[in-house]
């Protein structure tokens, strides 16, 4: 089992009501983290976090980064104590 830090910004923070929290995962993957978050926060979080068609992380207007500032995907492994940042992407013209 590993412990992962989740840190929320903007809409993610509105849904969770917290800035950050810890998750204890049996499997150290982004998929396991996403499953716990969507289970805990329900349909609003599921709609924001997951793409209904592709069943992967929603990439339309959202961004998920690991502690190294790299985008993460469902199949990516996570390490003990790692932080995953959940944020809404901002586009400019």
Protein backbone atom coordinates (compact mmCIF):
# COMPACT_ATOMS: atom_id res chain seq x y z
CA UNK A 1 0.00 0.00 0.00
CA UNK A 2 1.23 3.50 -0.81
CA UNK A 3 0.13 6.98 0.24
CA UNK A 4 -0.51 9.61 -2.44
CA UNK A 5 -1.19 13.32 -1.99
CA UNK A 6 -3.96 14.81 -4.11
CA UNK A 7 -3.94 18.57 -4.50
CA UNK A 8 -6.99 20.30 -6.01
CA UNK A 9 -7.40 23.64 -7.73
CA UNK A 10 -10.40 25.57 -9.09
CA UNK A 11 -13.40 23.35 -9.92
CA UNK A 12 -11.80 20.30 -8.33
CA UNK A 13 -11.50 22.21 -5.04
CA UNK A 14 -15.10 23.36 -5.30
CA UNK A 15 -16.30 19.75 -5.59
CA UNK A 16 -14.07 18.32 -2.85
CA UNK A 17 -14.29 21.24 -0.45
CA UNK A 18 -10.61 20.76 0.39
CA UNK A 19 -7.30 21.93 -1.06
CA UNK A 20 -5.49 18.63 -0.54
CA UNK A 21 -5.92 15.17 0.94
CA UNK A 22 -4.18 11.81 1.27
CA UNK A 23 -5.22 8.56 -0.39
CA UNK A 24 -3.97 5.09 0.53
CA UNK A 25 -3.79 2.91 -2.57
CA UNK A 26 -3.46 -0.86 -2.84
CA UNK A 27 -2.19 -0.42 -6.40
CA UNK A 28 0.12 2.52 -7.06
CA UNK A 29 -1.44 3.76 -10.29
CA UNK A 30 -3.24 6.87 -11.44
CA UNK A 31 -6.23 4.60 -12.26
CA UNK A 32 -6.46 3.48 -8.62
CA UNK A 33 -6.28 7.10 -7.45
CA UNK A 34 -8.97 8.19 -9.94
CA UNK A 35 -11.22 5.32 -8.81
CA UNK A 36 -10.97 6.37 -5.15
CA UNK A 37 -11.57 10.04 -5.93
CA UNK A 38 -14.61 9.39 -8.14
CA UNK A 39 -16.02 6.92 -5.60
CA UNK A 40 -15.63 9.45 -2.79
CA UNK A 41 -17.00 12.52 -4.62
CA UNK A 42 -19.60 11.01 -6.96
CA UNK A 43 -21.06 12.04 -10.31
CA UNK A 44 -19.85 15.66 -10.40
CA UNK A 45 -16.25 14.58 -9.90
CA UNK A 46 -16.62 11.65 -12.30
CA UNK A 47 -17.89 14.00 -15.03
CA UNK A 48 -14.98 16.39 -14.48
CA UNK A 49 -12.26 13.78 -14.04
CA UNK A 50 -13.18 11.08 -16.58
CA UNK A 51 -13.94 11.18 -20.30
CA UNK A 52 -17.18 9.24 -20.76
CA UNK A 53 -16.35 8.11 -24.30
CA UNK A 54 -12.72 7.03 -23.94
CA UNK A 55 -12.91 5.98 -20.24
CA UNK A 56 -9.59 7.80 -19.70
CA UNK A 57 -8.77 10.99 -17.81
CA UNK A 58 -10.65 13.92 -19.28
CA UNK A 59 -8.25 16.07 -21.28
CA UNK A 60 -10.83 18.68 -22.32
CA UNK A 61 -10.04 21.67 -20.15
CA UNK A 62 -8.45 19.70 -17.31
CA UNK A 63 -4.86 18.93 -16.42
CA UNK A 64 -3.32 16.31 -14.12
CA UNK A 65 0.34 16.63 -13.17
CA UNK A 66 2.68 14.59 -10.99
CA UNK A 67 5.26 15.99 -8.56
CA UNK A 68 7.70 16.48 -11.45
CA UNK A 69 5.25 18.65 -13.42
CA UNK A 70 4.57 15.90 -15.99
CA UNK A 71 1.10 15.07 -17.28
CA UNK A 72 -0.19 11.76 -15.91
CA UNK A 73 -2.40 9.12 -17.52
CA UNK A 74 -4.46 6.28 -16.04
CA UNK A 75 -1.83 3.61 -16.66
CA UNK A 76 1.01 5.62 -15.08
CA UNK A 77 2.57 4.32 -11.85
CA UNK A 78 2.72 6.45 -8.71
CA UNK A 79 5.41 6.36 -6.03
CA UNK A 80 5.05 6.53 -2.26
CA UNK A 81 4.42 10.11 -1.13
CA UNK A 82 3.94 11.48 -4.65
CA UNK A 83 1.61 14.44 -5.23
CA UNK A 84 -0.85 14.56 -8.11
CA UNK A 85 -2.24 18.00 -8.96
CA UNK A 86 -5.77 18.31 -10.36
CA UNK A 87 -6.49 21.57 -12.16
CA UNK A 88 -8.54 23.14 -14.89
CA UNK A 89 -6.41 24.15 -17.86
CA UNK A 90 -6.38 27.73 -19.01
CA UNK A 91 -6.12 28.49 -22.71
CA UNK A 92 -5.13 31.77 -24.28
CA UNK A 93 -5.25 33.21 -27.73
